[in-house]
C-alpha atoms as a PDB file:
ATOM      1  CA  MET A   1      -0.010  -0.112   0.161  1.00  0.00           C
ATOM      2  CA  LYS A   2       1.216   3.637  -0.937  1.00  0.00           C
ATOM      3  CA  ARG A   3       1.621   5.718   2.044  1.00  0.00           C
ATOM      4  CA  SER A   4      -0.459   8.845   2.204  1.00  0.00           C
ATOM      5  CA  ALA A   5      -1.119  11.642   4.651  1.00  0.00           C
ATOM      6  CA  ASP A   6      -3.971   9.438   5.784  1.00  0.00           C
ATOM      7  CA  ASN A   7      -2.127   6.133   6.469  1.00  0.00           C
ATOM      8  CA  LYS A   8       1.306   7.524   7.321  1.00  0.00           C
ATOM      9  CA  LEU A   9       2.868   5.932  10.437  1.00  0.00           C
ATOM     10  CA  LYS A  10       3.442   8.313  13.197  1.00  0.00           C
ATOM     11  CA  VAL A  11       6.426   8.566  15.612  1.00  0.00           C
ATOM     12  CA  VAL A  12       5.981   8.218  19.364  1.00  0.00           C
ATOM     13  CA  ALA A  13       8.774   8.482  21.745  1.00  0.00           C
ATOM     14  CA  VAL A  14       8.685   6.735  24.984  1.00  0.00           C
ATOM     15  CA  ARG A  15      11.250   6.550  27.987  1.00  0.00           C
ATOM     16  CA  VAL A  16      11.911   2.967  29.313  1.00  0.00           C
ATOM     17  CA  ASN A  17      14.150   1.812  32.025  1.00  0.00           C
ATOM     18  CA  PRO A  18      17.359   0.060  31.023  1.00  0.00           C
ATOM     19  CA  GLN A  19      16.259  -3.312  31.698  1.00  0.00           C
ATOM     20  CA  VAL A  20      13.332  -2.915  29.383  1.00  0.00           C
ATOM     21  CA  GLU A  21      15.312  -1.547  26.533  1.00  0.00           C
ATOM     22  CA  HIS A  22      17.605  -4.446  26.912  1.00  0.00           C
ATOM     23  CA  ARG A  23      15.096  -6.898  26.810  1.00  0.00           C
ATOM     24  CA  LEU A  24      13.600  -5.274  23.696  1.00  0.00           C
ATOM     25  CA  ARG A  25      17.159  -5.236  22.166  1.00  0.00           C
ATOM     26  CA  LEU A  26      17.616  -8.896  22.800  1.00  0.00           C
ATOM     27  CA  LEU A  27      14.327  -9.999  21.364  1.00  0.00           C
ATOM     28  CA  ALA A  28      14.945  -7.895  18.329  1.00  0.00           C
ATOM     29  CA  GLU A  29      18.446  -9.307  17.993  1.00  0.00           C
ATOM     30  CA  ALA A  30      17.306 -12.800  18.620  1.00  0.00           C
ATOM     31  CA  THR A  31      14.528 -12.792  16.262  1.00  0.00           C
ATOM     32  CA  GLY A  32      15.910 -10.514  13.327  1.00  0.00           C
ATOM     33  CA  ARG A  33      13.178  -8.118  13.664  1.00  0.00           C
ATOM     34  CA  ASN A  34      13.338  -4.344  14.728  1.00  0.00           C
ATOM     35  CA  GLN A  35      12.479  -2.967  18.103  1.00  0.00           C
ATOM     36  CA  SER A  36       9.666  -0.969  16.644  1.00  0.00           C
ATOM     37  CA  PHE A  37       7.946  -4.091  15.374  1.00  0.00           C
ATOM     38  CA  PHE A  38       7.843  -5.291  18.754  1.00  0.00           C
ATOM     39  CA  LEU A  39       6.861  -1.974  20.202  1.00  0.00           C
ATOM     40  CA  GLN A  40       4.130  -1.754  17.706  1.00  0.00           C
ATOM     41  CA  GLN A  41       3.016  -5.281  18.787  1.00  0.00           C
ATOM     42  CA  ILE A  42       2.753  -4.456  22.164  1.00  0.00           C
ATOM     43  CA  ILE A  43       0.702  -1.325  21.939  1.00  0.00           C
ATOM     44  CA  GLU A  44      -1.649  -2.822  19.426  1.00  0.00           C
ATOM     45  CA  ARG A  45      -2.114  -5.697  21.598  1.00  0.00           C
ATOM     46  CA  GLY A  46      -2.307  -3.720  24.931  1.00  0.00           C
ATOM     47  CA  ILE A  47      -4.168  -0.659  23.865  1.00  0.00           C
ATOM     48  CA  ALA A  48      -7.617  -2.191  24.123  1.00  0.00           C
ATOM     49  CA  ALA A  49      -7.084  -3.169  27.706  1.00  0.00           C
ATOM     50  CA  MET A  50      -5.619   0.518  28.614  1.00  0.00           C
ATOM     51  CA  GLU A  51      -8.813   2.152  26.766  1.00  0.00           C
ATOM     52  CA  GLU A  52     -11.198  -0.074  29.031  1.00  0.00           C
ATOM     53  CA  THR A  53      -9.315   0.655  32.245  1.00  0.00           C
ATOM     54  CA  TRP A  54      -8.926   4.508  31.556  1.00  0.00           C
ATOM     55  CA  LEU A  55     -11.424   5.847  29.233  1.00  0.00           C
ATOM     56  CA  PRO A  56     -15.098   6.633  30.295  1.00  0.00           C
ATOM     57  CA  PRO A  57     -17.562   4.319  28.630  1.00  0.00           C
ATOM     58  CA  THR A  58     -19.283   6.713  26.458  1.00  0.00           C
ATOM     59  CA  THR A  59     -15.785   7.445  24.782  1.00  0.00           C
ATOM     60  CA  LEU A  60     -15.003   3.818  24.622  1.00  0.00           C
ATOM     61  CA  ALA A  61     -18.233   3.245  22.788  1.00  0.00           C
ATOM     62  CA  LYS A  62     -17.526   5.925  20.374  1.00  0.00           C
ATOM     63  CA  ILE A  63     -13.907   4.455  19.703  1.00  0.00           C
ATOM     64  CA  ARG A  64     -15.605   0.902  19.139  1.00  0.00           C
ATOM     65  CA  ARG A  65     -17.889   2.498  16.755  1.00  0.00           C
ATOM     66  CA  GLY A  66     -14.833   3.962  14.809  1.00  0.00           C
ATOM     67  CA  ASP A  67     -15.885   7.326  15.716  1.00  0.00           C
ATOM     68  CA  PHE A  68     -12.793   9.089  17.074  1.00  0.00           C
ATOM     69  CA  PRO A  69     -13.450  11.856  19.508  1.00  0.00           C
ATOM     70  CA  GLU A  70     -11.232  14.969  18.573  1.00  0.00           C
ATOM     71  CA  LEU A  71      -7.873  15.225  20.716  1.00  0.00           C
ATOM     72  CA  GLN A  72      -7.286  17.901  23.115  1.00  0.00           C
ATOM     73  CA  GLN A  73      -4.932  20.804  22.272  1.00  0.00           C
ATOM     74  CA  PRO A  74      -1.394  19.851  22.365  1.00  0.00           C
ATOM     75  CA  GLY A  75      -0.039  20.313  25.807  1.00  0.00           C
ATOM     76  CA  ALA A  76      -3.439  20.136  27.375  1.00  0.00           C
ATOM     77  CA  THR A  77      -2.688  16.684  28.814  1.00  0.00           C
ATOM     78  CA  PRO A  78       0.282  16.484  30.929  1.00  0.00           C
ATOM     79  CA  ASP A  79       2.915  14.275  30.250  1.00  0.00           C
ATOM     80  CA  LEU A  80       2.808  11.180  31.914  1.00  0.00           C
ATOM     81  CA  PHE A  81       6.446  11.324  33.216  1.00  0.00           C
ATOM     82  CA  GLY A  82       6.095  14.916  34.417  1.00  0.00           C
ATOM     83  CA  GLU A  83       8.751  16.470  31.934  1.00  0.00           C
END
């Protein structure tokens, strides 16, 4: 599939402790895949659980219907790491 503005992958930065990074690097090296592949898998498989835990039922219902609510203004939600 040719990439367009609508289906272009986005970059997300995340800080992890050195042990997690080391485990991720070992997994990537042992399998011949890159770290991004495994991070993508982790996110895709875990986001539903996080949504169920953290989102209000009305927002979750909209997402499940494919109706994604607009995001808040950048900076409106504090960084989880306090930085």
